[in-house]
């Protein structure tokens, strides 16, 4: 009986961790996309610019994900995203 509870807690923790990582990675990807036009303006692909934009996005994403986790909860936030009535049209 205790093994079942331990396995369920591990699976629950893995799901929560994956939701947190997805929330934190979204602004990091946005930072990576914003680094493209900056590199075009500079005329070269500058690794420092790309890394700095991505790290700033990851820091913002981690703060955002942590505020959601401690506030309303990760699963409640994802439920609102997925169960949006606007998405039922598509």
Protein backbone atom coordinates (compact mmCIF):
# COMPACT_ATOMS: atom_id res chain seq x y z
CA UNK A 1 0.00 0.00 0.00
CA UNK A 2 2.81 2.42 0.83
CA UNK A 3 4.49 1.70 -2.52
CA UNK A 4 1.37 2.84 -4.37
CA UNK A 5 1.27 6.12 -2.48
CA UNK A 6 4.98 6.70 -3.10
CA UNK A 7 4.61 6.02 -6.82
CA UNK A 8 1.61 8.35 -7.06
CA UNK A 9 3.52 11.12 -5.24
CA UNK A 10 6.47 10.67 -7.60
CA UNK A 11 4.24 10.84 -10.68
CA UNK A 12 2.40 13.86 -9.28
CA UNK A 13 5.71 15.60 -8.60
CA UNK A 14 6.94 14.84 -12.11
CA UNK A 15 3.76 16.28 -13.66
CA UNK A 16 4.01 19.42 -11.53
CA UNK A 17 7.69 19.81 -12.43
CA UNK A 18 6.97 19.46 -16.14
CA UNK A 19 4.19 22.09 -15.93
CA UNK A 20 6.57 24.43 -14.10
CA UNK A 21 9.29 23.92 -16.71
CA UNK A 22 6.85 24.56 -19.56
CA UNK A 23 5.77 27.83 -17.95
CA UNK A 24 9.35 28.91 -17.29
CA UNK A 25 10.55 27.98 -20.79
CA UNK A 26 7.92 30.02 -22.62
CA UNK A 27 9.47 33.45 -21.92
CA UNK A 28 12.91 31.96 -22.60
CA UNK A 29 11.77 30.97 -26.08
CA UNK A 30 10.33 34.45 -26.54
CA UNK A 31 13.70 35.91 -25.56
CA UNK A 32 15.40 33.63 -28.06
CA UNK A 33 13.02 34.83 -30.78
CA UNK A 34 13.62 38.47 -29.85
CA UNK A 35 17.37 37.95 -30.10
CA UNK A 36 16.99 37.24 -33.84
CA UNK A 37 15.99 40.76 -34.88
CA UNK A 38 18.64 42.24 -32.59
CA UNK A 39 21.28 40.11 -34.29
CA UNK A 40 19.94 41.24 -37.68
CA UNK A 41 20.37 44.86 -36.65
CA UNK A 42 23.90 44.13 -35.44
CA UNK A 43 24.69 42.39 -38.71
CA UNK A 44 26.01 39.20 -37.12
CA UNK A 45 24.88 36.40 -34.86
CA UNK A 46 26.30 37.42 -31.51
CA UNK A 47 26.30 34.56 -29.01
CA UNK A 48 26.33 36.91 -26.05
CA UNK A 49 23.17 38.65 -27.22
CA UNK A 50 21.37 35.37 -27.84
CA UNK A 51 22.40 33.91 -24.48
CA UNK A 52 21.57 37.08 -22.55
CA UNK A 53 18.10 37.38 -24.08
CA UNK A 54 17.44 33.70 -23.36
CA UNK A 55 18.69 33.91 -19.76
CA UNK A 56 16.64 37.03 -19.08
CA UNK A 57 13.59 35.23 -20.48
CA UNK A 58 14.31 32.18 -18.33
CA UNK A 59 14.63 34.30 -15.19
CA UNK A 60 11.34 36.07 -15.95
CA UNK A 61 9.73 32.71 -16.70
CA UNK A 62 10.97 31.18 -13.45
CA UNK A 63 9.58 34.11 -11.45
CA UNK A 64 6.29 33.86 -13.34
CA UNK A 65 6.01 30.08 -12.87
CA UNK A 66 6.82 30.37 -9.19
CA UNK A 67 4.17 33.06 -8.66
CA UNK A 68 1.59 30.87 -10.39
CA UNK A 69 2.65 27.81 -8.39
CA UNK A 70 2.43 29.59 -5.05
CA UNK A 71 -0.75 31.49 -5.97
CA UNK A 72 -3.49 29.63 -7.75
CA UNK A 73 -1.54 26.45 -8.48
CA UNK A 74 -0.03 25.01 -11.63
CA UNK A 75 -2.82 22.59 -12.45
CA UNK A 76 -5.53 25.22 -11.96
CA UNK A 77 -3.64 27.57 -14.28
CA UNK A 78 -3.20 24.89 -16.96
CA UNK A 79 -6.87 23.94 -16.63
CA UNK A 80 -7.87 27.54 -17.39
CA UNK A 81 -5.57 27.58 -20.41
CA UNK A 82 -6.76 24.30 -21.87
CA UNK A 83 -10.46 24.61 -21.04
CA UNK A 84 -10.86 28.04 -22.60
CA UNK A 85 -14.25 28.42 -24.36
CA UNK A 86 -12.57 30.35 -27.16
CA UNK A 87 -10.66 27.21 -28.13
CA UNK A 88 -13.89 25.21 -28.60
CA UNK A 89 -14.48 26.93 -31.93
CA UNK A 90 -11.35 25.36 -33.44
